C-alpha atoms as a PDB file:
ATOM      1  CA  MET A   1      12.986 117.399 287.078  1.00  0.00           C
ATOM      2  CA  GLY A   2      11.459 120.813 288.235  1.00  0.00           C
ATOM      3  CA  LEU A   3      14.456 122.726 286.186  1.00  0.00           C
ATOM      4  CA  LYS A   4      13.239 126.042 284.879  1.00  0.00           C
ATOM      5  CA  LEU A   5      15.149 128.120 282.082  1.00  0.00           C
ATOM      6  CA  GLN A   6      15.659 131.689 282.285  1.00  0.00           C
ATOM      7  CA  HIS A   7      16.430 134.095 279.501  1.00  0.00           C
ATOM      8  CA  ILE A   8      19.842 135.706 280.493  1.00  0.00           C
ATOM      9  CA  GLY A   9      20.511 137.635 277.049  1.00  0.00           C
ATOM     10  CA  ARG A  10      20.565 137.834 273.126  1.00  0.00           C
ATOM     11  CA  SER A  11      23.502 137.549 271.079  1.00  0.00           C
ATOM     12  CA  GLN A  12      23.664 139.715 267.462  1.00  0.00           C
ATOM     13  CA  THR A  13      22.140 137.985 264.770  1.00  0.00           C
ATOM     14  CA  ILE A  14      24.732 135.760 262.845  1.00  0.00           C
ATOM     15  CA  THR A  15      24.330 134.113 259.267  1.00  0.00           C
ATOM     16  CA  HIS A  16      22.226 130.846 259.408  1.00  0.00           C
ATOM     17  CA  ALA A  17      23.147 127.201 258.642  1.00  0.00           C
ATOM     18  CA  LEU A  18      25.751 126.672 256.272  1.00  0.00           C
ATOM     19  CA  PHE A  19      26.021 124.346 253.389  1.00  0.00           C
ATOM     20  CA  ALA A  20      29.589 123.940 251.834  1.00  0.00           C
ATOM     21  CA  VAL A  21      30.565 121.860 248.641  1.00  0.00           C
ATOM     22  CA  HIS A  22      34.130 120.676 248.301  1.00  0.00           C
ATOM     23  CA  LYS A  23      36.347 122.452 245.820  1.00  0.00           C
ATOM     24  CA  ARG A  24      36.976 118.697 244.280  1.00  0.00           C
ATOM     25  CA  VAL A  25      33.315 118.969 242.863  1.00  0.00           C
ATOM     26  CA  PRO A  26      33.329 120.657 239.421  1.00  0.00           C
ATOM     27  CA  ALA A  27      32.414 124.318 239.383  1.00  0.00           C
ATOM     28  CA  ALA A  28      29.330 123.585 237.002  1.00  0.00           C
ATOM     29  CA  ASP A  29      27.936 120.946 239.835  1.00  0.00           C
ATOM     30  CA  ARG A  30      28.644 123.646 242.669  1.00  0.00           C
ATOM     31  CA  GLU A  31      26.608 126.232 240.689  1.00  0.00           C
ATOM     32  CA  ARG A  32      23.688 123.703 240.067  1.00  0.00           C
ATOM     33  CA  ILE A  33      23.892 122.616 243.901  1.00  0.00           C
ATOM     34  CA  LYS A  34      23.863 126.332 245.073  1.00  0.00           C
ATOM     35  CA  ASN A  35      21.199 127.383 242.444  1.00  0.00           C
ATOM     36  CA  SER A  36      19.075 124.390 243.531  1.00  0.00           C
ATOM     37  CA  LEU A  37      19.204 125.517 247.125  1.00  0.00           C
ATOM     38  CA  ILE A  38      18.550 129.207 246.323  1.00  0.00           C
ATOM     39  CA  ALA A  39      15.436 128.144 244.503  1.00  0.00           C
ATOM     40  CA  THR A  40      14.053 125.856 247.325  1.00  0.00           C
ATOM     41  CA  LYS A  41      10.838 126.927 248.730  1.00  0.00           C
ATOM     42  CA  LEU A  42      10.116 123.985 251.480  1.00  0.00           C
ATOM     43  CA  GLU A  43       6.415 124.371 250.423  1.00  0.00           C
ATOM     44  CA  THR A  44       5.626 120.639 251.470  1.00  0.00           C
ATOM     45  CA  MET A  45       7.477 120.872 254.561  1.00  0.00           C
ATOM     46  CA  ASP A  46       5.542 121.246 257.989  1.00  0.00           C
ATOM     47  CA  PRO A  47       5.637 124.906 258.725  1.00  0.00           C
ATOM     48  CA  LYS A  48       7.061 124.296 262.213  1.00  0.00           C
ATOM     49  CA  LEU A  49      10.075 122.582 260.694  1.00  0.00           C
ATOM     50  CA  ARG A  50      10.110 124.792 257.819  1.00  0.00           C
ATOM     51  CA  ALA A  51      10.906 127.828 260.374  1.00  0.00           C
ATOM     52  CA  LEU A  52      14.049 125.955 261.715  1.00  0.00           C
ATOM     53  CA  PHE A  53      15.553 127.180 258.365  1.00  0.00           C
ATOM     54  CA  ILE A  54      15.205 130.805 258.777  1.00  0.00           C
ATOM     55  CA  ASP A  55      14.643 133.550 260.979  1.00  0.00           C
ATOM     56  CA  PRO A  56      11.200 134.931 259.601  1.00  0.00           C
ATOM     57  CA  GLY A  57      11.869 138.518 260.432  1.00  0.00           C
ATOM     58  CA  SER A  58      14.523 138.510 257.967  1.00  0.00           C
ATOM     59  CA  ALA A  59      13.475 136.656 255.141  1.00  0.00           C
ATOM     60  CA  THR A  60      12.107 137.299 251.641  1.00  0.00           C
ATOM     61  CA  PRO A  61       8.682 135.175 251.726  1.00  0.00           C
ATOM     62  CA  GLY A  62       9.000 131.861 250.275  1.00  0.00           C
ATOM     63  CA  ARG A  63      13.260 132.262 250.170  1.00  0.00           C
ATOM     64  CA  TYR A  64      14.953 130.179 252.714  1.00  0.00           C
ATOM     65  CA  PHE A  65      18.661 129.887 251.518  1.00  0.00           C
ATOM     66  CA  GLN A  66      20.562 132.657 250.353  1.00  0.00           C
ATOM     67  CA  PRO A  67      24.220 132.752 248.863  1.00  0.00           C
ATOM     68  CA  VAL A  68      26.759 134.145 251.357  1.00  0.00           C
ATOM     69  CA  THR A  69      30.545 134.603 251.546  1.00  0.00           C
ATOM     70  CA  ASP A  70      33.117 133.591 254.029  1.00  0.00           C
ATOM     71  CA  ARG A  71      32.879 137.346 255.184  1.00  0.00           C
ATOM     72  CA  ASP A  72      29.472 136.938 256.345  1.00  0.00           C
ATOM     73  CA  TYR A  73      30.586 134.547 259.128  1.00  0.00           C
ATOM     74  CA  ASN A  74      33.080 137.542 260.599  1.00  0.00           C
ATOM     75  CA  GLN A  75      30.176 138.368 263.152  1.00  0.00           C
ATOM     76  CA  ALA A  76      30.548 134.726 264.540  1.00  0.00           C
ATOM     77  CA  ARG A  77      34.062 134.743 264.699  1.00  0.00           C
ATOM     78  CA  ARG A  78      33.880 138.203 266.690  1.00  0.00           C
ATOM     79  CA  ILE A  79      31.439 136.499 269.080  1.00  0.00           C
ATOM     80  CA  MET A  80      33.779 133.435 269.425  1.00  0.00           C
ATOM     81  CA  GLN A  81      36.816 135.776 270.182  1.00  0.00           C
ATOM     82  CA  GLN A  82      34.690 137.708 272.641  1.00  0.00           C
ATOM     83  CA  LEU A  83      34.036 134.457 274.637  1.00  0.00           C
ATOM     84  CA  GLY A  84      37.532 133.539 274.332  1.00  0.00           C
ATOM     85  CA  TYR A  85      37.600 130.794 271.578  1.00  0.00           C
END
């Protein structure tokens, strides 16, 4: 095709992938799911695929998922507002 991509800028860092559990799931089960994700080290995963889950510059070694709150996504909301959404 001959198309060339050009870097035109970089946005502010935003919170990474979101995993959510419906409120109908019992609290104890939600806690188990959260704890399982937080404990996941993805050691057996291909390193290139594993890199998709986290920005290596901000990661605690071996820790790929972190608990967040709705407030952690305010930065993404601000960016969307600036873009007119």
